[in-house]
């Protein structure tokens, strides 16, 4: 089999597995269903990936790798600039990148959004471990960037707020599928994603900049 044919087969399998995993979850996604959708046999899955778990890992790593590569590229550029990055720039580089990625017109965007929904609403220990592994280095880079950009805020509080921003962004993306029925707004999902970014950035920055809780302020004054 030529290198090109091998690549095409592996991509077909990944695309099929991504769609099935997003629809059915890791536990219910069967190799038989995946291979039928990809038009290959199970031997091809074993040849390219070795096992179902390895295939699901490859599915997640493919999309998350693209996302994290762009996040790191943007953070590198911010940190190489003459002026230190502002908190708003760091927020946009991390969270804005996710929204732009999901809202792009690229073929992967729709599948990626559904995949995120599956991970958030129906996580398994297996997928949770993969996600944690993929994001560990990027999260640490961004957390350190926030520490430097917000020296007046205790590090523990920065971590809390980063966690809140992660949750808000994940569920904001999921909510674009249900925005119309919930609020009576007639928007397509694509249009909702286009409208989401400036509103979400304003919301996240508002939360990032709120005064410290009274208990933390008292701790700092003692």
Protein backbone atom coordinates (compact mmCIF):
# COMPACT_ATOMS: atom_id res chain seq x y z
CA UNK A 1 0.00 0.00 0.00
CA UNK A 2 1.42 3.42 -0.94
CA UNK A 3 2.07 6.10 1.66
CA UNK A 4 -0.71 8.24 0.18
CA UNK A 5 -3.19 5.37 0.28
CA UNK A 6 -2.18 4.60 3.86
CA UNK A 7 -2.77 8.21 4.87
CA UNK A 8 -6.13 8.32 3.11
CA UNK A 9 -7.26 5.12 4.85
CA UNK A 10 -6.21 6.34 8.28
CA UNK A 11 -8.00 9.66 7.73
CA UNK A 12 -11.16 7.86 6.64
CA UNK A 13 -11.05 5.79 9.81
CA UNK A 14 -10.41 8.84 11.98
CA UNK A 15 -13.28 10.77 10.40
CA UNK A 16 -15.65 7.85 10.86
CA UNK A 17 -14.55 7.24 14.44
CA UNK A 18 -14.92 10.92 15.26
CA UNK A 19 -18.50 10.98 14.01
CA UNK A 20 -19.46 7.76 15.80
CA UNK A 21 -17.74 8.75 19.02
CA UNK A 22 -19.44 12.15 19.01
CA UNK A 23 -22.84 10.52 18.45
CA UNK A 24 -22.56 7.47 20.70
CA UNK A 25 -19.71 8.06 23.14
CA UNK A 26 -16.62 5.98 23.68
CA UNK A 27 -18.35 3.04 25.36
CA UNK A 28 -21.06 2.62 22.72
CA UNK A 29 -18.91 3.35 19.67
CA UNK A 30 -18.25 -0.05 18.13
CA UNK A 31 -15.48 -0.91 15.71
CA UNK A 32 -18.03 -2.59 13.47
CA UNK A 33 -19.99 0.67 13.14
CA UNK A 34 -16.83 2.70 12.61
CA UNK A 35 -15.44 0.40 9.93
CA UNK A 36 -18.79 0.26 8.14
CA UNK A 37 -18.92 4.05 8.00
CA UNK A 38 -15.30 4.28 6.82
CA UNK A 39 -15.73 1.49 4.26
CA UNK A 40 -12.83 -0.54 5.62
CA UNK A 41 -12.45 -3.77 7.57
CA UNK A 42 -11.42 -4.20 11.20
CA UNK A 43 -7.97 -5.36 10.09
CA UNK A 44 -7.37 -1.84 8.75
CA UNK A 45 -8.13 -0.35 12.17
CA UNK A 46 -5.74 -2.78 13.81
CA UNK A 47 -3.08 -2.02 11.21
CA UNK A 48 -3.28 1.75 11.55
CA UNK A 49 -4.14 2.18 15.24
CA UNK A 50 -3.81 -1.16 17.01
CA UNK A 51 -6.98 -1.03 19.09
CA UNK A 52 -10.24 0.82 19.63
CA UNK A 53 -8.79 2.73 22.59
CA UNK A 54 -5.81 3.81 20.51
CA UNK A 55 -8.18 4.93 17.75
CA UNK A 56 -10.28 7.06 20.13
CA UNK A 57 -7.08 8.56 21.51
CA UNK A 58 -5.98 9.44 17.97
CA UNK A 59 -9.38 11.05 17.28
CA UNK A 60 -9.09 13.31 20.32
CA UNK A 61 -5.42 14.09 19.82
CA UNK A 62 -5.97 15.10 16.19
CA UNK A 63 -8.43 17.87 17.02
CA UNK A 64 -6.94 18.93 20.32
CA UNK A 65 -3.50 19.02 18.78
CA UNK A 66 -4.67 21.49 16.14
CA UNK A 67 -6.33 23.65 18.79
CA UNK A 68 -3.40 23.63 21.20
CA UNK A 69 -0.86 24.30 18.47
CA UNK A 70 -2.69 27.52 17.61
CA UNK A 71 -3.01 28.48 21.28
CA UNK A 72 0.72 28.06 21.82
CA UNK A 73 1.52 29.96 18.63
CA UNK A 74 -0.54 32.93 19.81
CA UNK A 75 0.91 32.87 23.31
CA UNK A 76 4.46 32.69 21.93
CA UNK A 77 3.73 35.73 19.79
CA UNK A 78 2.28 37.66 22.74
CA UNK A 79 5.25 36.86 24.95
CA UNK A 80 7.72 37.81 22.22
CA UNK A 81 6.17 41.27 21.78
CA UNK A 82 7.74 44.40 23.23
CA UNK A 83 4.92 44.91 25.76
CA UNK A 84 3.92 42.21 28.28
CA UNK A 85 0.64 40.50 27.37
CA UNK A 86 -2.51 41.98 28.88
CA UNK A 87 -5.04 39.68 30.55
CA UNK A 88 -7.55 40.40 27.77
CA UNK A 89 -5.05 39.22 25.14
CA UNK A 90 -4.36 36.01 27.05
CA UNK A 91 -8.08 35.33 27.43
CA UNK A 92 -8.62 35.82 23.72
CA UNK A 93 -5.65 33.64 22.77
CA UNK A 94 -6.88 30.73 24.87
CA UNK A 95 -10.67 30.93 24.90
CA UNK A 96 -11.21 32.96 21.74
CA UNK A 97 -9.16 30.43 19.79
CA UNK A 98 -11.56 27.67 20.86
CA UNK A 99 -14.62 29.65 19.73
CA UNK A 100 -13.02 30.60 16.42
CA UNK A 101 -11.98 27.00 15.87
CA UNK A 102 -15.51 25.72 16.50
CA UNK A 103 -17.08 28.51 14.47
CA UNK A 104 -14.88 28.28 11.40
CA UNK A 105 -16.28 27.17 8.06
CA UNK A 106 -13.71 24.39 7.85
CA UNK A 107 -15.11 20.85 7.47
CA UNK A 108 -13.83 19.83 10.90
CA UNK A 109 -15.65 22.59 12.80
CA UNK A 110 -19.04 20.91 13.14
CA UNK A 111 -17.51 17.59 14.16
CA UNK A 112 -15.26 19.33 16.66
CA UNK A 113 -18.17 21.13 18.35
CA UNK A 114 -20.12 17.89 18.72
CA UNK A 115 -16.99 16.17 20.02
CA UNK A 116 -16.56 18.84 22.69
CA UNK A 117 -20.18 18.38 23.71
CA UNK A 118 -19.66 14.64 24.09
CA UNK A 119 -16.54 15.13 26.21
CA UNK A 120 -18.20 17.71 28.47
CA UNK A 121 -21.60 16.11 28.96
CA UNK A 122 -20.63 12.43 28.97
CA UNK A 123 -17.02 12.07 30.06
CA UNK A 124 -15.43 8.73 30.85
CA UNK A 125 -12.27 8.16 32.85
CA UNK A 126 -10.57 7.11 29.63
CA UNK A 127 -11.41 10.29 27.72
CA UNK A 128 -10.84 12.45 30.79
CA UNK A 129 -7.28 11.11 31.05
CA UNK A 130 -6.60 11.81 27.37
CA UNK A 131 -7.96 15.36 27.61
CA UNK A 132 -5.93 16.05 30.76
CA UNK A 133 -2.79 14.76 29.08
CA UNK A 134 -3.35 16.82 25.94
CA UNK A 135 -4.07 20.07 27.75
CA UNK A 136 -1.64 19.83 30.71
CA UNK A 137 1.27 21.67 29.09
CA UNK A 138 -0.92 24.31 27.43
CA UNK A 139 -2.88 24.98 30.61
CA UNK A 140 0.32 25.40 32.57
CA UNK A 141 1.75 27.85 30.01
CA UNK A 142 -1.42 29.95 30.11
CA UNK A 143 -1.78 29.81 33.85
CA UNK A 144 1.76 31.12 34.23
CA UNK A 145 0.96 33.86 31.72
CA UNK A 146 -2.05 34.90 33.81
CA UNK A 147 0.07 34.90 36.97
CA UNK A 148 2.53 37.31 35.36
CA UNK A 149 -0.21 39.52 33.88
CA UNK A 150 -2.13 39.73 37.18
CA UNK A 151 0.54 39.92 39.92
CA UNK A 152 -1.88 41.64 42.30
CA UNK A 153 -4.21 38.63 42.31
CA UNK A 154 -3.28 35.60 44.45
CA UNK A 155 -2.28 32.60 42.36
CA UNK A 156 -4.96 30.42 43.91
CA UNK A 157 -7.59 32.97 42.84
CA UNK A 158 -6.23 33.04 39.29
CA UNK A 159 -6.58 29.26 39.18
CA UNK A 160 -10.18 29.49 40.42
CA UNK A 161 -11.05 32.06 37.75
CA UNK A 162 -9.35 30.08 35.01
CA UNK A 163 -11.49 27.10 36.00
CA UNK A 164 -14.65 29.22 35.85
CA UNK A 165 -13.70 30.52 32.41
CA UNK A 166 -13.14 26.97 31.17
CA UNK A 167 -16.61 25.93 32.30
CA UNK A 168 -18.31 29.03 30.94
CA UNK A 169 -16.69 28.67 27.53
CA UNK A 170 -17.46 24.96 27.21
CA UNK A 171 -21.12 25.37 28.02
CA UNK A 172 -21.43 28.55 25.96
CA UNK A 173 -20.32 26.56 22.92
CA UNK A 174 -22.79 23.80 23.68
CA UNK A 175 -25.56 26.31 24.20
CA UNK A 176 -25.37 27.60 20.63
CA UNK A 177 -27.26 24.47 19.52
CA UNK A 178 -30.14 25.27 21.86
CA UNK A 179 -30.12 29.07 21.82
CA UNK A 180 -33.16 29.48 19.59
CA UNK A 181 -35.63 27.16 21.36
CA UNK A 182 -34.46 28.31 24.79
CA UNK A 183 -34.66 32.06 24.25
CA UNK A 184 -36.93 32.30 21.25
CA UNK A 185 -34.09 33.63 19.13
CA UNK A 186 -34.15 32.54 15.51
CA UNK A 187 -30.48 31.95 14.88
CA UNK A 188 -28.68 29.17 13.10
CA UNK A 189 -25.91 27.55 15.08
CA UNK A 190 -23.32 29.12 12.79
CA UNK A 191 -24.82 32.57 13.27
CA UNK A 192 -24.97 31.97 17.03
CA UNK A 193 -21.27 31.08 17.05
CA UNK A 194 -20.50 34.27 15.15
CA UNK A 195 -22.40 36.28 17.77
CA UNK A 196 -20.91 34.38 20.69
CA UNK A 197 -17.28 35.50 20.66
CA UNK A 198 -17.57 39.21 21.61
CA UNK A 199 -20.25 38.44 24.21
CA UNK A 200 -18.27 35.62 25.74
CA UNK A 201 -15.05 37.65 25.85
CA UNK A 202 -16.86 40.47 27.63
CA UNK A 203 -18.34 38.01 30.12
CA UNK A 204 -15.03 36.26 30.80
CA UNK A 205 -13.11 39.49 31.26
CA UNK A 206 -15.78 40.76 33.64
CA UNK A 207 -15.36 37.65 35.76
CA UNK A 208 -11.60 37.82 35.58
CA UNK A 209 -11.55 41.41 36.86
CA UNK A 210 -14.08 41.23 39.70
CA UNK A 211 -12.78 42.21 43.16
CA UNK A 212 -11.40 39.49 45.35
CA UNK A 213 -13.86 37.77 47.71
CA UNK A 214 -14.03 39.47 51.10
CA UNK A 215 -12.34 36.53 52.80
CA UNK A 216 -9.34 36.78 50.47
CA UNK A 217 -9.05 40.52 50.97
CA UNK A 218 -9.06 40.02 54.74
CA UNK A 219 -6.38 37.35 54.42
CA UNK A 220 -4.16 39.69 52.43
CA UNK A 221 -4.57 42.51 54.98
CA UNK A 222 -3.53 40.39 57.96
